[in-house]
Amino acid sequence: MKPLSEMTTEELWEALIALDASRPEDTALRLALRLELRRAAAREWPPDDAPTPGSAGRAGSQDG
């Protein structure tokens, strides 16, 4: 099994589903997986208003 920090959102989601089926009482592990799922999602799908490479500092700048 991969370390959590190297798993994709799809892999983490599948792990959560498997955990729900096999160990529904393991709240600590479920919370850890959900936290890592959020981190992976932020890595894979940055917010729409996040600057893209090459655009930093350009948006909204005006002279004068």
C-alpha atoms as a PDB file:
ATOM      1  CA  MET A   1       0.000   0.000   0.000  1.00  0.00           C
ATOM      2  CA  LYS A   2       1.194   3.513  -0.840  1.00  0.00           C
ATOM      3  CA  PRO A   3       1.755   6.166   1.806  1.00  0.00           C
ATOM      4  CA  LEU A   4      -1.345   8.365   2.140  1.00  0.00           C
ATOM      5  CA  SER A   5       0.537  11.429   0.892  1.00  0.00           C
ATOM      6  CA  GLU A   6       1.229   9.684  -2.439  1.00  0.00           C
ATOM      7  CA  MET A   7      -2.319   8.459  -3.081  1.00  0.00           C
ATOM      8  CA  THR A   8      -4.619  10.126  -5.608  1.00  0.00           C
ATOM      9  CA  THR A   9      -8.125  11.261  -4.750  1.00  0.00           C
ATOM     10  CA  GLU A  10      -9.518   8.170  -6.480  1.00  0.00           C
ATOM     11  CA  GLU A  11      -7.291   5.859  -4.437  1.00  0.00           C
ATOM     12  CA  LEU A  12      -8.183   7.643  -1.201  1.00  0.00           C
ATOM     13  CA  TRP A  13     -11.905   7.485  -2.003  1.00  0.00           C
ATOM     14  CA  GLU A  14     -11.627   3.731  -2.662  1.00  0.00           C
ATOM     15  CA  ALA A  15      -9.787   3.326   0.642  1.00  0.00           C
ATOM     16  CA  LEU A  16     -12.597   5.150   2.461  1.00  0.00           C
ATOM     17  CA  ILE A  17     -15.211   2.892   0.864  1.00  0.00           C
ATOM     18  CA  ALA A  18     -13.215  -0.211   1.827  1.00  0.00           C
ATOM     19  CA  LEU A  19     -12.776   1.127   5.371  1.00  0.00           C
ATOM     20  CA  ASP A  20     -16.513   1.721   5.741  1.00  0.00           C
ATOM     21  CA  ALA A  21     -17.149  -1.877   4.714  1.00  0.00           C
ATOM     22  CA  SER A  22     -14.446  -3.538   6.799  1.00  0.00           C
ATOM     23  CA  ARG A  23     -13.968  -1.321   9.884  1.00  0.00           C
ATOM     24  CA  PRO A  24     -16.857   1.104  10.294  1.00  0.00           C
ATOM     25  CA  GLU A  25     -15.935   1.765  13.937  1.00  0.00           C
ATOM     26  CA  ASP A  26     -12.419   3.098  13.116  1.00  0.00           C
ATOM     27  CA  THR A  27     -13.188   6.816  13.345  1.00  0.00           C
ATOM     28  CA  ALA A  28      -9.561   7.916  13.678  1.00  0.00           C
ATOM     29  CA  LEU A  29      -8.511   6.205  10.459  1.00  0.00           C
ATOM     30  CA  ARG A  30     -11.589   7.516   8.652  1.00  0.00           C
ATOM     31  CA  LEU A  31     -10.775  11.087   9.731  1.00  0.00           C
ATOM     32  CA  ALA A  32      -7.148  10.702   8.649  1.00  0.00           C
ATOM     33  CA  LEU A  33      -8.235   9.436   5.232  1.00  0.00           C
ATOM     34  CA  ARG A  34     -10.738  12.277   4.820  1.00  0.00           C
ATOM     35  CA  LEU A  35      -8.094  14.861   5.722  1.00  0.00           C
ATOM     36  CA  GLU A  36      -5.686  13.367   3.204  1.00  0.00           C
ATOM     37  CA  LEU A  37      -8.485  13.254   0.613  1.00  0.00           C
ATOM     38  CA  ARG A  38      -8.971  17.011   1.068  1.00  0.00           C
ATOM     39  CA  ARG A  39      -5.232  17.622   0.668  1.00  0.00           C
ATOM     40  CA  ALA A  40      -5.087  15.474  -2.462  1.00  0.00           C
ATOM     41  CA  ALA A  41      -8.123  17.229  -3.925  1.00  0.00           C
ATOM     42  CA  ALA A  42      -6.523  20.624  -3.309  1.00  0.00           C
ATOM     43  CA  ARG A  43      -3.383  19.358  -5.039  1.00  0.00           C
ATOM     44  CA  GLU A  44      -5.235  17.887  -8.014  1.00  0.00           C
ATOM     45  CA  TRP A  45      -7.948  20.549  -8.379  1.00  0.00           C
ATOM     46  CA  PRO A  46      -6.745  23.992  -7.290  1.00  0.00           C
ATOM     47  CA  PRO A  47      -9.461  26.627  -6.764  1.00  0.00           C
ATOM     48  CA  ASP A  48     -10.623  28.551  -9.824  1.00  0.00           C
ATOM     49  CA  ASP A  49      -9.267  31.831  -8.455  1.00  0.00           C
ATOM     50  CA  ALA A  50      -5.774  30.436  -7.794  1.00  0.00           C
ATOM     51  CA  PRO A  51      -3.086  32.046  -9.966  1.00  0.00           C
ATOM     52  CA  THR A  52      -1.858  29.885 -12.796  1.00  0.00           C
ATOM     53  CA  PRO A  53       1.847  29.713 -13.618  1.00  0.00           C
ATOM     54  CA  GLY A  54       2.849  32.865 -15.488  1.00  0.00           C
ATOM     55  CA  SER A  55      -0.174  34.920 -14.379  1.00  0.00           C
ATOM     56  CA  ALA A  56       0.911  35.931 -10.879  1.00  0.00           C
ATOM     57  CA  GLY A  57       0.842  39.665 -10.374  1.00  0.00           C
ATOM     58  CA  ARG A  58      -0.970  40.444 -13.625  1.00  0.00           C
ATOM     59  CA  ALA A  59      -4.603  40.267 -12.624  1.00  0.00           C
ATOM     60  CA  GLY A  60      -6.069  43.536 -11.415  1.00  0.00           C
ATOM     61  CA  SER A  61      -2.888  45.565 -11.773  1.00  0.00           C
ATOM     62  CA  GLN A  62      -3.396  49.083 -13.064  1.00  0.00           C
ATOM     63  CA  ASP A  63      -0.990  51.908 -13.716  1.00  0.00           C
ATOM     64  CA  GLY A  64      -1.849  55.256 -12.131  1.00  0.00           C
END
